[in-house]
Amino acid sequence: MNIGIVIKEVRKQKGLTQLDLSEHANLSVRTIQRIENNEVEPTFYSLKSISKILEIDLQEIRNENSLIFTSKILGIHLNDLTMEPQEKASLELRLEKIELHLSSIARSRNIQLRNRKILLISLGIIVAALIIVELLAALGVLA
């Protein structure tokens, strides 16, 4: 079952609006909408926060493909039925560390892209100014 559908249905059963859920989970309404419409996969932290508010274990409901992907990243075999509480806690800690690392990489990448965009805009302005100066000089406006 798709996790977004589960979140939407349980949210409605609990009588919560998307705005209510977003405020309690400290997420934007747009993020809740995108999760419910399965446009994005919720992050580990979002899933944990939403699970707490909706009082269900969404990690167990999460679709099998996500669990397979996670197990490949961690190099382990996931089976919640045989996992000891200590193993599960260790897994959650490892997932949190991975998510923090991935978030850090994403932030760094966004900063690099923003800086590159600023540089390109600045260079464009300089080139445009030089062209204008050359045109004005060619027309004899600048003496």
N, C-alpha and C. Protein backbone atom coordinates (compact mmCIF):
# COMPACT_ATOMS: atom_id res chain seq x y z
N MET A 1 0.84 -1.18 0.00
CA MET A 1 0.00 0.00 0.00
C MET A 1 0.88 1.24 0.00
N ASN A 2 0.44 2.27 -0.71
CA ASN A 2 1.19 3.50 -0.78
C ASN A 2 1.09 4.27 0.53
N ILE A 3 2.22 4.74 1.02
CA ILE A 3 2.27 5.42 2.32
C ILE A 3 1.47 6.71 2.31
N GLY A 4 1.44 7.43 1.18
CA GLY A 4 0.68 8.68 1.09
C GLY A 4 -0.81 8.46 1.28
N ILE A 5 -1.32 7.37 0.71
CA ILE A 5 -2.74 7.03 0.85
C ILE A 5 -3.07 6.71 2.30
N VAL A 6 -2.18 5.97 2.95
CA VAL A 6 -2.38 5.62 4.36
C VAL A 6 -2.43 6.88 5.21
N ILE A 7 -1.47 7.77 4.99
CA ILE A 7 -1.43 9.01 5.77
C ILE A 7 -2.71 9.81 5.57
N LYS A 8 -3.14 9.94 4.33
CA LYS A 8 -4.35 10.71 4.03
C LYS A 8 -5.58 10.11 4.71
N GLU A 9 -5.73 8.79 4.61
CA GLU A 9 -6.90 8.13 5.18
C GLU A 9 -6.92 8.22 6.71
N VAL A 10 -5.77 7.97 7.34
CA VAL A 10 -5.71 8.04 8.81
C VAL A 10 -5.92 9.47 9.28
N ARG A 11 -5.33 10.42 8.56
CA ARG A 11 -5.52 11.84 8.91
C ARG A 11 -7.00 12.20 8.90
N LYS A 12 -7.71 11.76 7.85
CA LYS A 12 -9.15 12.04 7.75
C LYS A 12 -9.92 11.35 8.87
N GLN A 13 -9.55 10.10 9.18
CA GLN A 13 -10.22 9.37 10.26
C GLN A 13 -10.05 10.08 11.59
N LYS A 14 -8.90 10.71 11.77
CA LYS A 14 -8.62 11.42 13.02
C LYS A 14 -9.25 12.81 13.03
N GLY A 15 -9.86 13.21 11.90
CA GLY A 15 -10.52 14.51 11.82
C GLY A 15 -9.54 15.67 11.68
N LEU A 16 -8.37 15.39 11.15
CA LEU A 16 -7.36 16.44 10.98
C LEU A 16 -7.36 16.94 9.54
N THR A 17 -7.12 18.23 9.38
CA THR A 17 -6.94 18.78 8.04
C THR A 17 -5.45 18.68 7.70
N GLN A 18 -5.13 18.94 6.45
CA GLN A 18 -3.72 18.96 6.06
C GLN A 18 -2.99 20.06 6.82
N LEU A 19 -3.66 21.18 7.05
CA LEU A 19 -3.07 22.28 7.80
C LEU A 19 -2.78 21.85 9.24
N ASP A 20 -3.74 21.15 9.88
CA ASP A 20 -3.53 20.66 11.24
C ASP A 20 -2.30 19.75 11.30
N LEU A 21 -2.24 18.80 10.38
CA LEU A 21 -1.13 17.85 10.37
C LEU A 21 0.19 18.57 10.12
N SER A 22 0.18 19.53 9.20
CA SER A 22 1.42 20.25 8.89
C SER A 22 1.92 21.05 10.09
N GLU A 23 1.00 21.67 10.82
CA GLU A 23 1.40 22.45 11.99
C GLU A 23 1.96 21.56 13.09
N HIS A 24 1.29 20.43 13.35
CA HIS A 24 1.75 19.52 14.40
C HIS A 24 3.06 18.83 14.03
N ALA A 25 3.25 18.54 12.74
CA ALA A 25 4.45 17.83 12.29
C ALA A 25 5.59 18.79 11.95
N ASN A 26 5.30 20.09 12.02
CA ASN A 26 6.29 21.11 11.68
C ASN A 26 6.77 20.96 10.24
N LEU A 27 5.81 20.74 9.35
CA LEU A 27 6.06 20.62 7.91
C LEU A 27 5.14 21.60 7.19
N SER A 28 5.49 21.94 5.97
CA SER A 28 4.61 22.83 5.21
C SER A 28 3.38 22.05 4.72
N VAL A 29 2.31 22.78 4.49
CA VAL A 29 1.09 22.17 3.96
C VAL A 29 1.40 21.55 2.60
N ARG A 30 2.21 22.23 1.80
CA ARG A 30 2.57 21.71 0.48
C ARG A 30 3.30 20.36 0.59
N THR A 31 4.15 20.23 1.60
CA THR A 31 4.85 18.96 1.80
C THR A 31 3.86 17.85 2.13
N ILE A 32 2.90 18.14 3.01
CA ILE A 32 1.87 17.15 3.35
C ILE A 32 1.08 16.78 2.10
N GLN A 33 0.70 17.77 1.30
CA GLN A 33 -0.04 17.50 0.06
C GLN A 33 0.77 16.60 -0.87
N ARG A 34 2.05 16.91 -1.04
CA ARG A 34 2.90 16.13 -1.95
C ARG A 34 3.10 14.71 -1.44
N ILE A 35 3.21 14.54 -0.12
CA ILE A 35 3.33 13.19 0.45
C ILE A 35 2.05 12.41 0.22
N GLU A 36 0.91 13.04 0.52
CA GLU A 36 -0.38 12.36 0.36
C GLU A 36 -0.68 12.01 -1.10
N ASN A 37 -0.21 12.84 -2.02
CA ASN A 37 -0.43 12.58 -3.45
C ASN A 37 0.67 11.70 -4.05
N ASN A 38 1.55 11.20 -3.19
CA ASN A 38 2.67 10.34 -3.59
C ASN A 38 3.57 11.00 -4.62
N GLU A 39 3.71 12.32 -4.52
CA GLU A 39 4.62 13.05 -5.38
C GLU A 39 6.05 12.97 -4.84
N VAL A 40 6.15 12.82 -3.51
CA VAL A 40 7.45 12.67 -2.86
C VAL A 40 7.35 11.57 -1.80
N GLU A 41 8.48 10.96 -1.51
CA GLU A 41 8.57 9.97 -0.44
C GLU A 41 8.91 10.74 0.83
N PRO A 42 8.16 10.53 1.91
CA PRO A 42 8.46 11.28 3.14
C PRO A 42 9.84 10.91 3.67
N THR A 43 10.53 11.90 4.23
CA THR A 43 11.83 11.63 4.84
C THR A 43 11.61 10.83 6.11
N PHE A 44 12.69 10.29 6.64
CA PHE A 44 12.60 9.51 7.87
C PHE A 44 12.03 10.36 9.00
N TYR A 45 12.51 11.60 9.11
CA TYR A 45 12.03 12.49 10.18
C TYR A 45 10.56 12.85 9.99
N SER A 46 10.16 13.13 8.75
CA SER A 46 8.76 13.45 8.47
C SER A 46 7.88 12.26 8.83
N LEU A 47 8.31 11.08 8.41
CA LEU A 47 7.55 9.87 8.67
C LEU A 47 7.41 9.62 10.17
N LYS A 48 8.50 9.85 10.90
CA LYS A 48 8.49 9.65 12.35
C LYS A 48 7.54 10.64 13.02
N SER A 49 7.59 11.90 12.58
CA SER A 49 6.75 12.95 13.15
C SER A 49 5.27 12.70 12.84
N ILE A 50 4.98 12.37 11.58
CA ILE A 50 3.60 12.10 11.18
C ILE A 50 3.07 10.86 11.90
N SER A 51 3.92 9.84 12.05
CA SER A 51 3.53 8.61 12.76
C SER A 51 3.09 8.92 14.19
N LYS A 52 3.87 9.77 14.84
CA LYS A 52 3.57 10.12 16.23
C LYS A 52 2.22 10.85 16.34
N ILE A 53 1.98 11.77 15.42
CA ILE A 53 0.73 12.54 15.44
C ILE A 53 -0.47 11.67 15.12
N LEU A 54 -0.32 10.79 14.12
CA LEU A 54 -1.44 9.93 13.71
C LEU A 54 -1.56 8.68 14.57
N GLU A 55 -0.58 8.47 15.45
CA GLU A 55 -0.58 7.34 16.38
C GLU A 55 -0.59 5.99 15.66
N ILE A 56 0.20 5.88 14.59
CA ILE A 56 0.37 4.61 13.88
C ILE A 56 1.84 4.47 13.50
N ASP A 57 2.30 3.24 13.29
CA ASP A 57 3.68 3.02 12.91
C ASP A 57 3.78 2.96 11.39
N LEU A 58 4.01 4.13 10.79
CA LEU A 58 4.08 4.22 9.34
C LEU A 58 5.30 3.50 8.78
N GLN A 59 6.34 3.36 9.60
CA GLN A 59 7.54 2.67 9.12
C GLN A 59 7.21 1.22 8.76
N GLU A 60 6.32 0.60 9.52
CA GLU A 60 5.94 -0.78 9.23
C GLU A 60 5.03 -0.86 8.01
N ILE A 61 4.27 0.20 7.76
CA ILE A 61 3.33 0.21 6.64
C ILE A 61 4.04 0.56 5.33
N ARG A 62 5.14 1.24 5.46
CA ARG A 62 5.88 1.71 4.27
C ARG A 62 6.00 0.58 3.24
N ASN A 63 5.89 0.96 1.98
CA ASN A 63 5.85 -0.08 0.95
C ASN A 63 7.15 -0.87 0.85
N GLU A 64 7.03 -2.07 0.34
CA GLU A 64 8.14 -3.02 0.32
C GLU A 64 9.33 -2.50 -0.47
N ASN A 65 9.10 -1.79 -1.57
CA ASN A 65 10.20 -1.28 -2.38
C ASN A 65 11.09 -0.33 -1.58
N SER A 66 10.48 0.50 -0.74
CA SER A 66 11.27 1.42 0.08
C SER A 66 12.12 0.64 1.07
N LEU A 67 11.54 -0.40 1.66
CA LEU A 67 12.29 -1.21 2.61
C LEU A 67 13.44 -1.94 1.93
N ILE A 68 13.21 -2.42 0.72
CA ILE A 68 14.27 -3.09 -0.02
C ILE A 68 15.40 -2.10 -0.32
N PHE A 69 15.02 -0.89 -0.75
CA PHE A 69 16.02 0.14 -1.04
C PHE A 69 16.82 0.47 0.22
N THR A 70 16.13 0.65 1.33
CA THR A 70 16.80 0.96 2.60
C THR A 70 17.75 -0.16 2.99
N SER A 71 17.30 -1.39 2.85
CA SER A 71 18.15 -2.52 3.25
C SER A 71 19.40 -2.59 2.37
N LYS A 72 19.27 -2.24 1.09
CA LYS A 72 20.44 -2.23 0.21
C LYS A 72 21.43 -1.16 0.65
N ILE A 73 20.92 0.03 1.02
CA ILE A 73 21.80 1.11 1.47
C ILE A 73 22.55 0.68 2.73
N LEU A 74 21.83 0.06 3.66
CA LEU A 74 22.44 -0.31 4.93
C LEU A 74 23.17 -1.65 4.87
N GLY A 75 22.94 -2.41 3.81
CA GLY A 75 23.58 -3.71 3.68
C GLY A 75 23.07 -4.73 4.68
N ILE A 76 21.78 -4.66 4.99
CA ILE A 76 21.20 -5.61 5.95
C ILE A 76 19.92 -6.20 5.37
N HIS A 77 19.45 -7.24 6.02
CA HIS A 77 18.18 -7.84 5.65
C HIS A 77 17.13 -7.34 6.63
N LEU A 78 16.15 -6.61 6.12
CA LEU A 78 15.11 -6.07 6.99
C LEU A 78 13.96 -7.05 7.15
N ASN A 79 13.66 -7.36 8.36
CA ASN A 79 12.50 -8.19 8.65
C ASN A 79 12.02 -7.78 10.03
N ASP A 80 11.04 -6.88 10.09
CA ASP A 80 10.57 -6.35 11.36
C ASP A 80 10.06 -7.42 12.31
N LEU A 81 9.61 -8.55 11.77
CA LEU A 81 9.06 -9.59 12.63
C LEU A 81 10.14 -10.26 13.46
N THR A 82 11.36 -10.31 12.94
CA THR A 82 12.43 -10.98 13.68
C THR A 82 13.43 -10.01 14.27
N MET A 83 13.22 -8.73 14.08
CA MET A 83 14.16 -7.74 14.57
C MET A 83 13.96 -7.50 16.06
N GLU A 84 15.04 -7.57 16.79
CA GLU A 84 15.01 -7.28 18.24
C GLU A 84 14.85 -5.78 18.43
N PRO A 85 14.29 -5.35 19.57
CA PRO A 85 14.12 -3.91 19.81
C PRO A 85 15.44 -3.14 19.72
N GLN A 86 16.53 -3.74 20.21
CA GLN A 86 17.83 -3.09 20.16
C GLN A 86 18.30 -2.94 18.71
N GLU A 87 18.05 -3.97 17.88
CA GLU A 87 18.41 -3.91 16.47
C GLU A 87 17.60 -2.82 15.76
N LYS A 88 16.31 -2.75 16.10
CA LYS A 88 15.44 -1.76 15.49
C LYS A 88 15.89 -0.35 15.86
N ALA A 89 16.27 -0.14 17.14
CA ALA A 89 16.76 1.16 17.59
C ALA A 89 18.06 1.52 16.87
N SER A 90 18.92 0.52 16.72
CA SER A 90 20.19 0.74 16.01
C SER A 90 19.93 1.11 14.56
N LEU A 91 18.97 0.43 13.94
CA LEU A 91 18.61 0.72 12.56
C LEU A 91 18.07 2.14 12.43
N GLU A 92 17.19 2.55 13.35
CA GLU A 92 16.65 3.90 13.30
C GLU A 92 17.75 4.94 13.45
N LEU A 93 18.70 4.67 14.34
CA LEU A 93 19.82 5.60 14.53
C LEU A 93 20.66 5.69 13.25
N ARG A 94 20.92 4.56 12.62
CA ARG A 94 21.68 4.55 11.37
C ARG A 94 20.93 5.30 10.26
N LEU A 95 19.61 5.11 10.21
CA LEU A 95 18.81 5.82 9.21
C LEU A 95 18.84 7.32 9.46
N GLU A 96 18.78 7.72 10.72
CA GLU A 96 18.85 9.16 11.04
C GLU A 96 20.18 9.74 10.59
N LYS A 97 21.28 9.01 10.84
CA LYS A 97 22.60 9.49 10.44
C LYS A 97 22.70 9.59 8.92
N ILE A 98 22.16 8.61 8.22
CA ILE A 98 22.18 8.64 6.76
C ILE A 98 21.37 9.83 6.26
N GLU A 99 20.20 10.03 6.85
CA GLU A 99 19.36 11.15 6.41
C GLU A 99 20.03 12.50 6.69
N LEU A 100 20.68 12.63 7.84
CA LEU A 100 21.41 13.87 8.14
C LEU A 100 22.51 14.10 7.12
N HIS A 101 23.22 13.04 6.78
CA HIS A 101 24.30 13.15 5.80
C HIS A 101 23.74 13.56 4.43
N LEU A 102 22.66 12.91 4.01
CA LEU A 102 22.06 13.24 2.71
C LEU A 102 21.52 14.66 2.70
N SER A 103 20.94 15.10 3.82
CA SER A 103 20.45 16.48 3.92
C SER A 103 21.60 17.47 3.81
N SER A 104 22.71 17.14 4.45
CA SER A 104 23.89 17.99 4.39
C SER A 104 24.41 18.11 2.96
N ILE A 105 24.44 16.98 2.26
CA ILE A 105 24.88 16.99 0.86
C ILE A 105 23.94 17.85 0.01
N ALA A 106 22.64 17.70 0.24
CA ALA A 106 21.64 18.47 -0.52
C ALA A 106 21.79 19.96 -0.25
N ARG A 107 22.01 20.33 1.02
CA ARG A 107 22.19 21.74 1.36
C ARG A 107 23.44 22.31 0.68
N SER A 108 24.53 21.55 0.73
CA SER A 108 25.77 21.99 0.08
C SER A 108 25.57 22.18 -1.42
N ARG A 109 24.86 21.24 -2.03
CA ARG A 109 24.61 21.31 -3.46
C ARG A 109 23.75 22.54 -3.80
N ASN A 110 22.74 22.81 -2.98
CA ASN A 110 21.89 23.98 -3.21
C ASN A 110 22.68 25.28 -3.07
N ILE A 111 23.59 25.32 -2.11
CA ILE A 111 24.43 26.51 -1.93
C ILE A 111 25.33 26.69 -3.14
N GLN A 112 25.91 25.59 -3.63
CA GLN A 112 26.77 25.67 -4.81
C GLN A 112 25.98 26.16 -6.02
N LEU A 113 24.78 25.65 -6.21
CA LEU A 113 23.95 26.07 -7.35
C LEU A 113 23.58 27.54 -7.24
N ARG A 114 23.23 27.98 -6.03
CA ARG A 114 22.87 29.39 -5.81
C ARG A 114 24.07 30.29 -6.11
N ASN A 115 25.25 29.90 -5.61
CA ASN A 115 26.46 30.70 -5.85
C ASN A 115 26.81 30.74 -7.33
N ARG A 116 26.64 29.63 -8.02
CA ARG A 116 26.91 29.59 -9.46
C ARG A 116 25.95 30.50 -10.21
N LYS A 117 24.69 30.50 -9.80
CA LYS A 117 23.68 31.35 -10.44
C LYS A 117 24.03 32.83 -10.23
N ILE A 118 24.43 33.19 -9.01
CA ILE A 118 24.82 34.57 -8.72
C ILE A 118 26.02 34.97 -9.56
N LEU A 119 26.98 34.07 -9.68
CA LEU A 119 28.17 34.35 -10.49
C LEU A 119 27.81 34.57 -11.95
N LEU A 120 26.95 33.71 -12.50
CA LEU A 120 26.54 33.86 -13.90
C LEU A 120 25.77 35.15 -14.14
N ILE A 121 24.90 35.51 -13.22
CA ILE A 121 24.15 36.76 -13.35
C ILE A 121 25.11 37.95 -13.30
N SER A 122 26.06 37.90 -12.37
CA SER A 122 27.05 38.98 -12.24
C SER A 122 27.87 39.12 -13.51
N LEU A 123 28.32 37.98 -14.04
CA LEU A 123 29.09 38.01 -15.29
C LEU A 123 28.25 38.57 -16.44
N GLY A 124 27.00 38.22 -16.48
CA GLY A 124 26.10 38.74 -17.52
C GLY A 124 25.96 40.24 -17.43
N ILE A 125 25.83 40.75 -16.22
CA ILE A 125 25.71 42.19 -16.02
C ILE A 125 26.99 42.90 -16.45
N ILE A 126 28.13 42.34 -16.10
CA ILE A 126 29.42 42.94 -16.48
C ILE A 126 29.57 42.96 -18.00
N VAL A 127 29.25 41.84 -18.66
CA VAL A 127 29.36 41.77 -20.12
C VAL A 127 28.41 42.77 -20.76
N ALA A 128 27.19 42.86 -20.25
CA ALA A 128 26.23 43.82 -20.80
C ALA A 128 26.73 45.25 -20.63
N ALA A 129 27.31 45.56 -19.46
CA ALA A 129 27.85 46.90 -19.23
C ALA A 129 28.99 47.21 -20.18
N LEU A 130 29.88 46.24 -20.42
CA LEU A 130 31.00 46.44 -21.35
C LEU A 130 30.50 46.67 -22.78
N ILE A 131 29.49 45.93 -23.17
CA ILE A 131 28.91 46.11 -24.51
C ILE A 131 28.30 47.50 -24.64
N ILE A 132 27.60 47.96 -23.62
CA ILE A 132 27.00 49.29 -23.65
C ILE A 132 28.08 50.35 -23.74
N VAL A 133 29.16 50.21 -22.97
CA VAL A 133 30.27 51.18 -23.00
C VAL A 133 30.89 51.20 -24.40
N GLU A 134 31.11 50.04 -24.99
CA GLU A 134 31.69 49.97 -26.34
C GLU A 134 30.77 50.61 -27.37
N LEU A 135 29.47 50.36 -27.25
CA LEU A 135 28.50 50.98 -28.18
C LEU A 135 28.49 52.49 -28.04
N LEU A 136 28.50 52.95 -26.80
CA LEU A 136 28.52 54.39 -26.58
C LEU A 136 29.82 55.03 -27.09
N ALA A 137 30.92 54.33 -26.92
CA ALA A 137 32.20 54.83 -27.42
C ALA A 137 32.20 54.85 -28.94
N ALA A 138 31.63 53.83 -29.56
CA ALA A 138 31.57 53.75 -31.03
C ALA A 138 30.68 54.84 -31.60
N LEU A 139 29.66 55.22 -30.88
CA LEU A 139 28.75 56.26 -31.34
C LEU A 139 29.29 57.66 -31.03
N GLY A 140 30.38 57.72 -30.32
CA GLY A 140 31.01 59.00 -29.99
C GLY A 140 30.37 59.69 -28.81
N VAL A 141 29.50 58.98 -28.09
CA VAL A 141 28.86 59.59 -26.91
C VAL A 141 29.88 59.76 -25.80
N LEU A 142 30.80 58.80 -25.68
CA LEU A 142 31.85 58.88 -24.66
C LEU A 142 33.08 59.50 -25.30
N ALA A 143 33.59 60.55 -24.73
CA ALA A 143 34.75 61.21 -25.31
C ALA A 143 35.92 61.19 -24.38
